Amino acid sequence: MAQSKLPVQPVARIEPVSETFFGETIVDPYRWMENPKDKDWDPFMRGRTRMPAPCWVAFPGATR
């Protein structure tokens, strides 16, 4: 059985944002993803959407 070539998973940009709540500092490296108007958001999400179908086909017995 020939192996199919799986798409490369997109890598999200890391841009840490820190906030302090009740004395605890929380760092969110992916806060930028909350803004769908960010220039990197759409390409990242489209890349993630393309991932599942080819991955599932790689598993024996998987159906679409």
N, C-alpha and C. Protein backbone atom coordinates (compact mmCIF):
# COMPACT_ATOMS: atom_id res chain seq x y z
N MET A 1 0.84 -1.18 0.00
CA MET A 1 0.00 0.00 0.00
C MET A 1 0.89 1.25 0.00
N ALA A 2 0.69 2.12 -0.94
CA ALA A 2 1.49 3.34 -1.03
C ALA A 2 1.01 4.35 -0.01
N GLN A 3 1.96 5.02 0.59
CA GLN A 3 1.59 6.05 1.56
C GLN A 3 1.31 7.35 0.82
N SER A 4 0.21 8.00 1.21
CA SER A 4 -0.10 9.29 0.61
C SER A 4 0.67 10.37 1.36
N LYS A 5 0.96 11.43 0.66
CA LYS A 5 1.69 12.54 1.27
C LYS A 5 0.68 13.44 1.99
N LEU A 6 0.87 13.64 3.29
CA LEU A 6 -0.03 14.46 4.08
C LEU A 6 0.38 15.93 3.97
N PRO A 7 -0.60 16.84 4.03
CA PRO A 7 -0.26 18.26 3.96
C PRO A 7 0.52 18.69 5.20
N VAL A 8 1.31 19.72 5.04
CA VAL A 8 2.09 20.26 6.15
C VAL A 8 1.15 21.08 7.03
N GLN A 9 1.20 20.81 8.32
CA GLN A 9 0.34 21.53 9.25
C GLN A 9 0.84 22.96 9.40
N PRO A 10 -0.06 23.94 9.31
CA PRO A 10 0.38 25.33 9.47
C PRO A 10 0.86 25.59 10.90
N VAL A 11 1.81 26.48 11.02
CA VAL A 11 2.36 26.84 12.33
C VAL A 11 1.84 28.22 12.70
N ALA A 12 1.26 28.30 13.87
CA ALA A 12 0.71 29.58 14.33
C ALA A 12 1.81 30.50 14.84
N ARG A 13 1.64 31.75 14.54
CA ARG A 13 2.54 32.78 15.07
C ARG A 13 2.38 32.83 16.59
N ILE A 14 3.47 33.05 17.29
CA ILE A 14 3.43 33.20 18.74
C ILE A 14 3.71 34.66 19.07
N GLU A 15 2.76 35.28 19.74
CA GLU A 15 2.86 36.70 20.10
C GLU A 15 2.27 36.85 21.51
N PRO A 16 3.09 36.62 22.54
CA PRO A 16 2.59 36.62 23.92
C PRO A 16 1.96 37.95 24.36
N VAL A 17 0.82 37.83 25.02
CA VAL A 17 0.15 38.97 25.64
C VAL A 17 -0.05 38.59 27.11
N SER A 18 0.35 39.47 28.01
CA SER A 18 0.22 39.21 29.45
C SER A 18 -0.89 40.06 30.03
N GLU A 19 -1.66 39.45 30.92
CA GLU A 19 -2.68 40.17 31.68
C GLU A 19 -2.63 39.66 33.11
N THR A 20 -2.96 40.54 34.04
CA THR A 20 -2.98 40.15 35.44
C THR A 20 -4.41 40.20 35.96
N PHE A 21 -4.84 39.07 36.52
CA PHE A 21 -6.17 38.95 37.12
C PHE A 21 -6.01 38.51 38.56
N PHE A 22 -6.51 39.32 39.48
CA PHE A 22 -6.48 38.98 40.90
C PHE A 22 -5.08 38.58 41.36
N GLY A 23 -4.08 39.29 40.86
CA GLY A 23 -2.70 39.04 41.27
C GLY A 23 -1.99 37.94 40.51
N GLU A 24 -2.67 37.25 39.62
CA GLU A 24 -2.07 36.18 38.82
C GLU A 24 -1.85 36.68 37.40
N THR A 25 -0.62 36.55 36.91
CA THR A 25 -0.33 36.96 35.54
C THR A 25 -0.53 35.77 34.61
N ILE A 26 -1.32 36.00 33.60
CA ILE A 26 -1.62 34.98 32.60
C ILE A 26 -1.00 35.42 31.27
N VAL A 27 -0.28 34.51 30.62
CA VAL A 27 0.31 34.81 29.32
C VAL A 27 -0.41 33.98 28.27
N ASP A 28 -0.92 34.66 27.26
CA ASP A 28 -1.63 34.00 26.17
C ASP A 28 -0.82 34.22 24.89
N PRO A 29 -0.12 33.18 24.40
CA PRO A 29 0.71 33.35 23.21
C PRO A 29 -0.09 33.43 21.91
N TYR A 30 -1.36 33.10 21.97
CA TYR A 30 -2.18 33.07 20.76
C TYR A 30 -3.36 34.05 20.82
N ARG A 31 -3.26 35.10 21.59
CA ARG A 31 -4.33 36.08 21.71
C ARG A 31 -4.71 36.68 20.36
N TRP A 32 -3.73 36.81 19.48
CA TRP A 32 -3.99 37.39 18.17
C TRP A 32 -5.05 36.63 17.40
N MET A 33 -5.25 35.35 17.71
CA MET A 33 -6.26 34.55 17.00
C MET A 33 -7.68 34.97 17.33
N GLU A 34 -7.87 35.78 18.35
CA GLU A 34 -9.20 36.27 18.69
C GLU A 34 -9.68 37.34 17.72
N ASN A 35 -8.77 37.82 16.89
CA ASN A 35 -9.11 38.87 15.93
C ASN A 35 -9.12 38.29 14.51
N PRO A 36 -10.30 37.97 13.96
CA PRO A 36 -10.34 37.38 12.62
C PRO A 36 -9.90 38.35 11.52
N LYS A 37 -9.69 39.61 11.86
CA LYS A 37 -9.20 40.57 10.85
C LYS A 37 -7.67 40.62 10.80
N ASP A 38 -7.01 39.88 11.70
CA ASP A 38 -5.55 39.82 11.68
C ASP A 38 -5.11 39.18 10.37
N LYS A 39 -4.05 39.70 9.77
CA LYS A 39 -3.60 39.23 8.45
C LYS A 39 -3.20 37.75 8.45
N ASP A 40 -2.81 37.19 9.57
CA ASP A 40 -2.39 35.79 9.63
C ASP A 40 -3.53 34.83 9.98
N TRP A 41 -4.66 35.37 10.42
CA TRP A 41 -5.75 34.52 10.91
C TRP A 41 -6.35 33.65 9.81
N ASP A 42 -6.77 34.26 8.70
CA ASP A 42 -7.43 33.51 7.63
C ASP A 42 -6.52 32.44 7.01
N PRO A 43 -5.28 32.76 6.65
CA PRO A 43 -4.41 31.71 6.10
C PRO A 43 -4.18 30.56 7.08
N PHE A 44 -4.05 30.87 8.37
CA PHE A 44 -3.85 29.82 9.36
C PHE A 44 -5.09 28.92 9.45
N MET A 45 -6.26 29.53 9.55
CA MET A 45 -7.49 28.75 9.68
C MET A 45 -7.77 27.92 8.42
N ARG A 46 -7.51 28.48 7.26
CA ARG A 46 -7.70 27.71 6.02
C ARG A 46 -6.74 26.53 5.96
N GLY A 47 -5.52 26.74 6.41
CA GLY A 47 -4.54 25.66 6.46
C GLY A 47 -4.96 24.55 7.41
N ARG A 48 -5.53 24.93 8.55
CA ARG A 48 -6.01 23.94 9.52
C ARG A 48 -7.20 23.16 8.97
N THR A 49 -8.04 23.83 8.21
CA THR A 49 -9.23 23.19 7.65
C THR A 49 -8.84 22.12 6.62
N ARG A 50 -7.74 22.34 5.91
CA ARG A 50 -7.30 21.37 4.91
C ARG A 50 -6.69 20.12 5.52
N MET A 51 -6.35 20.14 6.78
CA MET A 51 -5.65 19.03 7.42
C MET A 51 -6.45 17.74 7.59
N PRO A 52 -7.66 17.75 8.12
CA PRO A 52 -8.32 16.50 8.53
C PRO A 52 -8.55 15.45 7.45
N ALA A 53 -9.09 15.82 6.30
CA ALA A 53 -9.45 14.81 5.30
C ALA A 53 -8.26 13.94 4.88
N PRO A 54 -7.14 14.51 4.47
CA PRO A 54 -6.01 13.65 4.08
C PRO A 54 -5.48 12.83 5.25
N CYS A 55 -5.58 13.34 6.46
CA CYS A 55 -5.09 12.59 7.62
C CYS A 55 -5.95 11.37 7.89
N TRP A 56 -7.27 11.53 7.81
CA TRP A 56 -8.17 10.41 8.05
C TRP A 56 -7.99 9.31 7.02
N VAL A 57 -7.78 9.68 5.79
CA VAL A 57 -7.62 8.69 4.72
C VAL A 57 -6.40 7.83 4.97
N ALA A 58 -5.42 8.35 5.68
CA ALA A 58 -4.19 7.61 5.95
C ALA A 58 -4.41 6.44 6.91
N PHE A 59 -5.52 6.45 7.67
CA PHE A 59 -5.78 5.37 8.63
C PHE A 59 -6.53 4.23 7.94
N PRO A 60 -6.02 3.00 8.07
CA PRO A 60 -6.71 1.85 7.47
C PRO A 60 -8.13 1.72 8.03
N GLY A 61 -9.09 1.49 7.14
CA GLY A 61 -10.48 1.31 7.54
C GLY A 61 -11.25 2.60 7.74
N ALA A 62 -10.58 3.73 7.59
CA ALA A 62 -11.27 5.00 7.78
C ALA A 62 -12.18 5.28 6.59
N THR A 63 -13.31 5.88 6.87
CA THR A 63 -14.22 6.26 5.80
C THR A 63 -14.37 7.76 5.80
N ARG A 64 -14.76 8.29 4.67
CA ARG A 64 -14.95 9.74 4.57
C ARG A 64 -16.32 10.13 5.02
